Amino acid sequence: MKARAAIFREIGGSLTIEEIDVDEPGPQEVRVRTAACGVCHSDLHFMQGNIAGPRPTVPGHEPAGIVESVGSEVRLVKPGDHVIACTSMFCGQCTQCMLGRLHLCTDRRPMRRRKGERPRLSQDGQELFQFADLSGFAELMLLHEKALVRIDDDIPLAQASLVGCGVTTGVGAALNTAKVTPGSSVVVFGAGGVGNSVIQGARIAGARQIIAVDIFPQKLEVAKGFGATHTILVGPQNPDLDPVKEIKKLSQGGVDFAFDAVGNATLASQCFYALAPRGLAVIVGAIPRGQTLTLEPGHFYVEKMITGSIMGSNRFHIEAPQYLELYRQGRLDLDSMITERMPLSEVNVALEAMSSGEVTRTVLTFD
């Protein structure tokens, strides 16, 4: 079946909108008509070469849509269902899956077509690769059923799409990876889509103090609406300020939890140094290849800890409906996270707006 899609061909290049072919679903596959797809920094990291992957590729990994058709063995969804998709697929048989860490699955082969089979996406007979095994920057997606979660029809699909990556990554980093505790103090470096999701997760967990740090004053104002109790402006507009000293001053000695929601080695080290004894620093953003994280070992003697977080340590099929119920209750704000809505044809504009810090999240919408 024909569909329009944004195709990425060269590192550093722009996306081009072209017509592609989307195959019929295999036994465990589902074809979804895309309704919305959030634009995430990971898409940009991939296009800049900081995340490895084959080309030509259709990016996009934060989608929601409506099921069009299903394969003969699909049991989780049916045609007409509203769904969100997530890259956290799982084989169910590797060691990490057997330990209950589905988000750390080490064998994605069962969720992909075998070599020699017809590709899911193609153009003039040439295979187009799926970014994150999803490819949401397209009018149609062809996915393994384990990538999908059915949602209630009354949830707006634009808002629901954010749960596919940014919200799950940020809220999950606070609730699952760090396990933020009631009454604790938190700092979040980066007040974009993921950072504001971390802030919301910390607020939901009952943190008493949530400090947002960013280089854009307008983003810090937005962060207050999501639950930040204090803000710190860093960067060119405040060059003499030491964020670690300011965080320790505001928190009276250091925070219990610190999050790098940008993906930067310098910020990750600042997270670590801003901790109180036995504090935990969590690297949420994707630090580009080639950067090195250097830490002074003396800080470990007060039992400070640092860890990574991939996709919010999620159990997507369980947590996505829970997050949407929190949205229904007004406890998780998805509406305010959408700064702009744009058609697929303006995807490069959306990427530029994200890169320049103009938006919290842009969502591509499909008619």
Protein backbone atom coordinates (compact mmCIF):
# COMPACT_ATOMS: atom_id res chain seq x y z
CA MET A 1 0.00 0.00 0.00
CA LYS A 2 1.27 3.49 -0.85
CA ALA A 3 1.91 6.12 1.83
CA ARG A 4 3.80 9.37 2.24
CA ALA A 5 6.78 9.29 4.57
CA ALA A 6 9.77 11.38 5.63
CA ILE A 7 12.98 9.69 4.48
CA PHE A 8 16.47 10.24 5.91
CA ARG A 9 19.38 9.46 3.57
CA GLU A 10 22.56 11.35 4.58
CA ILE A 11 24.12 12.34 7.93
CA GLY A 12 23.44 16.01 8.52
CA GLY A 13 20.87 16.16 5.74
CA SER A 14 17.20 17.07 5.86
CA LEU A 15 14.23 14.75 5.57
CA THR A 16 12.44 14.47 2.24
CA ILE A 17 8.74 13.68 1.89
CA GLU A 18 8.33 10.83 -0.59
CA GLU A 19 5.90 8.06 -1.46
CA ILE A 20 6.77 4.61 -0.12
CA ASP A 21 5.31 1.11 -0.19
CA VAL A 22 4.05 -0.47 3.04
CA ASP A 23 3.69 -4.24 2.89
CA GLU A 24 0.75 -6.36 4.08
CA PRO A 25 0.94 -7.53 7.74
CA GLY A 26 2.68 -10.79 8.48
CA PRO A 27 1.24 -13.24 11.05
CA GLN A 28 2.23 -11.13 14.12
CA GLU A 29 2.21 -7.73 12.47
CA VAL A 30 -0.18 -4.81 12.53
CA ARG A 31 -0.65 -2.05 9.99
CA VAL A 32 -1.53 1.26 11.63
CA ARG A 33 -2.71 4.49 10.04
CA THR A 34 -0.70 7.17 11.84
CA ALA A 35 -2.69 9.95 13.48
CA ALA A 36 0.10 11.75 15.34
CA CYS A 37 3.81 11.44 16.05
CA GLY A 38 5.88 13.47 18.48
CA VAL A 39 9.23 14.88 17.34
CA CYS A 40 11.95 13.75 19.75
CA HIS A 41 15.63 14.64 20.16
CA SER A 42 16.57 11.02 19.45
CA ASP A 43 15.36 11.51 15.87
CA LEU A 44 17.73 14.48 15.59
CA HIS A 45 20.59 12.59 17.26
CA PHE A 46 20.16 9.85 14.66
CA MET A 47 20.17 12.34 11.79
CA GLN A 48 23.35 13.94 13.18
CA GLY A 49 25.12 10.59 13.43
CA ASN A 50 25.16 10.42 17.23
CA ILE A 51 22.94 7.32 17.17
CA ALA A 52 24.08 4.61 14.77
CA GLY A 53 21.70 3.05 12.29
CA PRO A 54 21.28 2.04 8.64
CA ARG A 55 20.00 4.28 5.87
CA PRO A 56 17.79 5.12 4.04
CA THR A 57 15.49 5.26 7.04
CA VAL A 58 12.07 6.54 7.98
CA PRO A 59 12.54 8.18 11.44
CA GLY A 60 9.90 8.85 14.10
CA HIS A 61 9.36 6.81 17.24
CA GLU A 62 6.60 8.52 19.27
CA PRO A 63 3.45 7.63 17.30
CA ALA A 64 -0.23 6.99 17.84
CA GLY A 65 -2.83 5.88 15.34
CA ILE A 66 -5.66 3.56 14.41
CA VAL A 67 -5.27 -0.09 13.46
CA GLU A 68 -6.10 -0.77 9.81
CA SER A 69 -5.36 -4.48 9.48
CA VAL A 70 -3.75 -7.29 11.47
CA GLY A 71 -1.92 -10.55 10.79
CA SER A 72 -3.42 -13.99 11.34
CA GLU A 73 -1.81 -14.53 14.78
CA VAL A 74 -2.37 -11.06 16.27
CA ARG A 75 -4.39 -11.15 19.48
CA LEU A 76 -3.53 -7.89 21.27
CA VAL A 77 -5.35 -5.47 18.94
CA LYS A 78 -7.95 -5.50 16.17
CA PRO A 79 -8.91 -3.20 13.26
CA GLY A 80 -10.37 0.08 14.48
CA ASP A 81 -8.49 0.08 17.79
CA HIS A 82 -6.74 3.26 18.86
CA VAL A 83 -3.12 2.49 19.74
CA ILE A 84 0.16 4.01 20.79
CA ALA A 85 3.50 2.48 19.80
CA CYS A 86 6.75 2.24 21.73
CA THR A 87 10.21 0.99 20.80
CA SER A 88 10.40 -1.07 24.02
CA MET A 89 9.52 -4.38 22.39
CA PHE A 90 10.56 -7.60 24.07
CA CYS A 91 11.23 -11.19 23.05
CA GLY A 92 10.14 -12.64 26.42
CA GLN A 93 12.90 -15.29 26.34
CA CYS A 94 16.29 -13.59 26.84
CA THR A 95 17.88 -13.31 30.29
CA GLN A 96 16.77 -9.72 30.83
CA CYS A 97 13.19 -10.51 29.87
CA MET A 98 13.18 -13.53 32.19
CA LEU A 99 14.41 -11.27 34.99
CA GLY A 100 11.43 -8.97 34.37
CA ARG A 101 13.48 -6.21 32.72
CA LEU A 102 11.55 -6.15 29.47
CA HIS A 103 12.88 -2.70 28.52
CA LEU A 104 16.39 -4.19 28.48
CA CYS A 105 15.52 -7.04 26.10
CA THR A 106 18.66 -8.16 24.28
CA ASP A 107 17.07 -9.93 21.31
CA ARG A 108 14.84 -7.88 19.00
CA ARG A 109 15.07 -10.37 16.13
CA PRO A 110 11.64 -11.92 16.83
CA MET A 111 10.07 -8.46 16.34
CA ARG A 112 11.69 -8.01 12.91
CA ARG A 113 11.35 -9.73 9.57
CA ARG A 114 14.02 -12.28 8.71
CA LYS A 115 16.68 -11.67 6.11
CA GLY A 116 15.39 -12.62 2.71
CA GLU A 117 11.79 -11.75 3.53
CA ARG A 118 10.04 -8.83 1.87
CA PRO A 119 10.85 -5.59 3.71
CA ARG A 120 8.09 -3.91 5.67
CA LEU A 121 8.87 -0.58 4.02
CA SER A 122 10.32 -0.10 0.55
CA GLN A 123 10.61 2.27 -2.38
CA ASP A 124 11.07 1.08 -5.97
CA GLY A 125 12.06 -2.31 -4.59
CA GLN A 126 14.72 -0.94 -2.22
CA GLU A 127 14.33 -1.57 1.51
CA LEU A 128 13.70 1.39 3.77
CA PHE A 129 14.82 0.78 7.33
CA GLN A 130 12.61 1.41 10.37
CA PHE A 131 14.07 3.71 13.00
CA ALA A 132 13.57 2.11 16.44
CA ASP A 133 11.59 -0.61 14.60
CA LEU A 134 8.73 1.92 14.32
CA SER A 135 9.09 4.70 11.67
CA GLY A 136 6.36 7.04 12.83
CA PHE A 137 7.07 9.84 10.32
CA ALA A 138 4.81 8.11 7.81
CA GLU A 139 1.11 7.92 7.04
CA LEU A 140 1.19 4.14 7.60
CA MET A 141 3.26 1.99 9.97
CA LEU A 142 3.80 -1.77 9.88
CA LEU A 143 4.74 -3.02 13.35
CA HIS A 144 5.06 -6.14 15.47
CA GLU A 145 2.07 -6.39 17.76
CA LYS A 146 4.31 -6.18 20.85
CA ALA A 147 5.14 -2.59 19.88
CA LEU A 148 1.51 -1.56 20.42
CA VAL A 149 -0.81 -0.83 23.31
CA ARG A 150 -4.53 -0.33 22.81
CA ILE A 151 -5.96 2.81 24.40
CA ASP A 152 -9.47 4.10 24.98
CA ASP A 153 -11.03 5.93 22.05
CA ASP A 154 -11.72 9.09 24.08
CA ILE A 155 -8.02 9.86 24.62
CA PRO A 156 -6.81 12.44 22.06
CA LEU A 157 -4.25 10.72 19.85
CA ALA A 158 -1.90 13.71 19.72
CA GLN A 159 -1.60 13.71 23.51
CA ALA A 160 -1.44 9.92 23.63
CA SER A 161 1.49 9.83 21.21
CA LEU A 162 3.73 11.54 23.80
CA VAL A 163 3.45 8.47 26.01
CA GLY A 164 5.22 6.45 23.30
CA CYS A 165 8.59 7.95 24.24
CA GLY A 166 9.05 11.31 25.97
CA VAL A 167 6.54 10.92 28.79
CA THR A 168 7.39 7.29 29.41
CA THR A 169 11.12 8.13 29.40
CA GLY A 170 10.83 11.08 31.79
CA VAL A 171 8.07 10.02 34.16
CA GLY A 172 9.53 6.51 34.25
CA ALA A 173 13.02 7.82 35.05
CA ALA A 174 11.56 9.48 38.15
CA LEU A 175 9.17 6.72 39.23
CA ASN A 176 10.92 3.54 38.06
CA THR A 177 14.65 4.19 37.68
CA ALA A 178 15.23 6.64 40.53
CA LYS A 179 12.15 5.79 42.60
CA VAL A 180 11.83 9.40 43.79
CA THR A 181 10.52 9.42 47.35
CA PRO A 182 7.89 11.68 48.98
CA GLY A 183 9.45 14.75 50.58
CA SER A 184 12.70 14.46 48.63
CA SER A 185 14.60 17.14 46.69
CA VAL A 186 15.17 16.85 42.95
CA VAL A 187 17.04 18.74 40.23
CA VAL A 188 16.40 18.31 36.51
CA PHE A 189 18.87 19.60 33.92
CA GLY A 190 16.96 20.38 30.73
CA ALA A 191 13.36 21.58 30.63
CA GLY A 192 12.31 20.15 27.29
CA GLY A 193 9.82 17.39 26.65
CA VAL A 194 11.72 14.70 28.56
CA GLY A 195 12.85 17.06 31.32
CA ASN A 196 9.33 18.31 31.97
CA SER A 197 8.18 14.70 32.07
CA VAL A 198 10.81 14.00 34.74
CA ILE A 199 9.51 17.04 36.63
CA GLN A 200 5.97 15.71 36.40
CA GLY A 201 7.10 12.27 37.57
CA ALA A 202 8.86 13.81 40.57
CA ARG A 203 5.76 15.86 41.37
CA ILE A 204 3.54 12.76 41.13
CA ALA A 205 5.97 10.94 43.44
CA GLY A 206 5.60 13.68 46.07
CA ALA A 207 8.95 15.47 45.88
CA ARG A 208 8.89 18.62 48.03
CA GLN A 209 11.48 20.50 45.97
CA ILE A 210 11.98 20.28 42.18
CA ILE A 211 14.67 22.51 40.69
CA ALA A 212 14.69 23.01 36.90
CA VAL A 213 17.91 24.08 35.16
CA ASP A 214 18.03 25.35 31.58
CA ILE A 215 19.67 27.91 29.29
CA PHE A 216 16.33 29.27 28.02
CA PRO A 217 14.34 31.47 30.44
CA GLN A 218 11.08 30.77 28.61
CA LYS A 219 11.51 27.04 29.14
CA LEU A 220 12.04 27.59 32.86
CA GLU A 221 8.74 29.47 33.03
CA VAL A 222 7.04 26.54 31.33
CA ALA A 223 8.69 24.12 33.79
CA LYS A 224 6.98 25.87 36.68
CA GLY A 225 3.63 24.89 35.23
CA PHE A 226 4.67 21.24 35.28
CA GLY A 227 5.75 21.31 38.92
CA ALA A 228 9.16 22.96 39.23
CA THR A 229 9.36 24.78 42.56
CA HIS A 230 12.65 26.56 41.75
CA THR A 231 14.49 27.44 38.53
CA ILE A 232 18.11 28.17 37.64
CA LEU A 233 19.11 29.96 34.45
CA VAL A 234 22.54 28.90 33.18
CA GLY A 235 24.55 29.46 30.03
CA PRO A 236 25.31 32.64 28.06
CA GLN A 237 22.64 34.72 29.80
CA ASN A 238 24.08 33.93 33.23
CA PRO A 239 27.76 33.06 32.61
CA ASP A 240 29.07 33.64 36.13
CA LEU A 241 26.62 31.31 37.86
CA ASP A 242 27.88 27.94 39.09
CA PRO A 243 24.84 25.60 38.88
CA VAL A 244 26.22 23.10 41.38
CA LYS A 245 26.76 25.78 44.03
CA GLU A 246 23.33 27.25 43.36
CA ILE A 247 21.65 23.83 43.62
CA LYS A 248 23.41 23.11 46.90
CA LYS A 249 22.35 26.50 48.21
CA LEU A 250 18.70 25.98 47.28
CA SER A 251 18.63 22.43 48.62
CA GLN A 252 20.66 23.20 51.74
CA GLY A 253 23.52 20.87 50.97
CA GLY A 254 22.59 18.86 47.91
CA VAL A 255 19.63 17.11 46.30
CA ASP A 256 18.47 13.55 46.77
CA PHE A 257 17.93 12.93 43.06
CA ALA A 258 19.47 14.60 39.99
CA PHE A 259 18.56 14.02 36.33
CA ASP A 260 20.39 14.90 33.12
CA ALA A 261 17.52 15.12 30.63
CA VAL A 262 19.72 16.61 27.89
CA GLY A 263 22.40 14.01 27.29
CA ASN A 264 25.63 15.88 27.98
CA ALA A 265 28.69 14.67 29.86
CA THR A 266 29.25 18.03 31.60
CA LEU A 267 25.66 18.12 32.83
CA ALA A 268 25.86 14.51 33.97
CA SER A 269 28.90 15.34 36.12
CA GLN A 270 27.12 18.40 37.53
CA CYS A 271 24.20 16.14 38.47
CA PHE A 272 26.61 13.93 40.40
CA TYR A 273 28.36 16.81 42.20
CA ALA A 274 25.03 18.43 43.14
CA LEU A 275 23.94 15.39 45.14
CA ALA A 276 23.65 15.08 48.89
CA PRO A 277 25.32 12.02 50.47
CA ARG A 278 23.65 8.81 49.23
CA GLY A 279 22.03 10.81 46.44
CA LEU A 280 21.36 9.32 43.02
CA ALA A 281 22.18 10.90 39.64
CA VAL A 282 20.31 9.54 36.61
CA ILE A 283 21.48 10.03 33.02
CA VAL A 284 18.26 10.14 30.97
CA GLY A 285 19.37 11.94 27.80
CA ALA A 286 21.43 10.19 25.13
CA ILE A 287 25.03 11.40 25.51
CA PRO A 288 26.59 11.54 22.01
CA ARG A 289 29.32 9.12 21.14
CA GLY A 290 32.81 10.41 21.84
CA GLN A 291 31.99 12.29 25.05
CA THR A 292 33.70 11.06 28.21
CA LEU A 293 32.29 11.33 31.72
CA THR A 294 34.96 12.08 34.36
CA LEU A 295 34.09 12.04 38.08
CA GLU A 296 36.17 12.81 41.14
CA PRO A 297 36.33 9.53 43.11
CA GLY A 298 36.18 11.22 46.52
CA HIS A 299 32.45 11.80 46.07
CA PHE A 300 31.84 8.05 46.14
CA TYR A 301 33.01 7.94 49.73
CA VAL A 302 29.74 9.55 50.78
CA GLU A 303 27.92 6.87 48.81
CA LYS A 304 26.77 8.98 45.91
CA MET A 305 25.46 6.92 43.01
CA ILE A 306 25.07 7.41 39.26
CA THR A 307 23.12 5.31 36.79
CA GLY A 308 21.60 5.36 33.35
CA SER A 309 17.96 5.09 32.40
CA ILE A 310 16.67 3.74 29.10
CA MET A 311 13.07 4.56 28.20
CA GLY A 312 12.22 5.17 31.84
CA SER A 313 12.85 1.52 32.85
CA ASN A 314 9.35 0.98 31.53
CA ARG A 315 6.81 -1.81 31.53
CA PHE A 316 5.04 -0.16 28.64
CA HIS A 317 1.98 -2.36 28.33
CA ILE A 318 1.20 -1.81 32.00
CA GLU A 319 2.31 1.78 32.51
CA ALA A 320 1.04 3.47 29.35
CA PRO A 321 -2.62 2.96 30.34
CA GLN A 322 -1.75 4.08 33.88
CA TYR A 323 -0.18 7.30 32.60
CA LEU A 324 -3.24 7.99 30.45
CA GLU A 325 -5.47 7.47 33.49
CA LEU A 326 -3.35 10.02 35.36
CA TYR A 327 -3.94 12.33 32.39
CA ARG A 328 -7.70 11.78 32.71
CA GLN A 329 -7.48 12.65 36.41
CA GLY A 330 -5.58 15.87 35.70
CA ARG A 331 -2.46 14.64 37.50
CA LEU A 332 -0.33 14.26 34.36
CA ASP A 333 -0.45 17.26 32.02
CA LEU A 334 -0.11 16.16 28.40
CA ASP A 335 -2.04 19.07 26.89
CA SER A 336 0.49 21.73 27.88
CA MET A 337 3.41 19.64 26.63
CA ILE A 338 2.31 20.13 23.02
CA THR A 339 3.70 23.48 21.93
CA GLU A 340 3.06 23.09 18.20
CA ARG A 341 1.15 20.84 15.82
CA MET A 342 2.48 20.57 12.27
CA PRO A 343 1.76 18.46 9.19
CA LEU A 344 4.26 15.88 7.98
CA SER A 345 5.39 18.29 5.27
CA GLU A 346 6.84 20.59 7.94
CA VAL A 347 8.87 17.93 9.76
CA ASN A 348 12.18 19.75 9.11
CA VAL A 349 10.70 22.93 10.59
CA ALA A 350 9.68 20.91 13.64
CA LEU A 351 13.19 19.50 14.03
CA GLU A 352 14.71 22.97 13.81
CA ALA A 353 12.29 24.37 16.39
CA MET A 354 13.23 21.57 18.78
CA SER A 355 16.95 22.07 18.18
CA SER A 356 16.70 25.81 18.90
CA GLY A 357 14.77 25.29 22.15
CA GLU A 358 11.60 26.98 20.93
CA VAL A 359 9.21 24.18 21.88
CA THR A 360 8.49 21.64 24.57
CA ARG A 361 7.15 19.15 22.05
CA THR A 362 5.96 19.41 18.46
CA VAL A 363 3.52 16.77 17.29
CA LEU A 364 3.13 15.93 13.63
CA THR A 365 -0.53 15.37 12.83
CA PHE A 366 -1.91 13.37 9.91
CA ASP A 367 -5.29 13.95 8.24
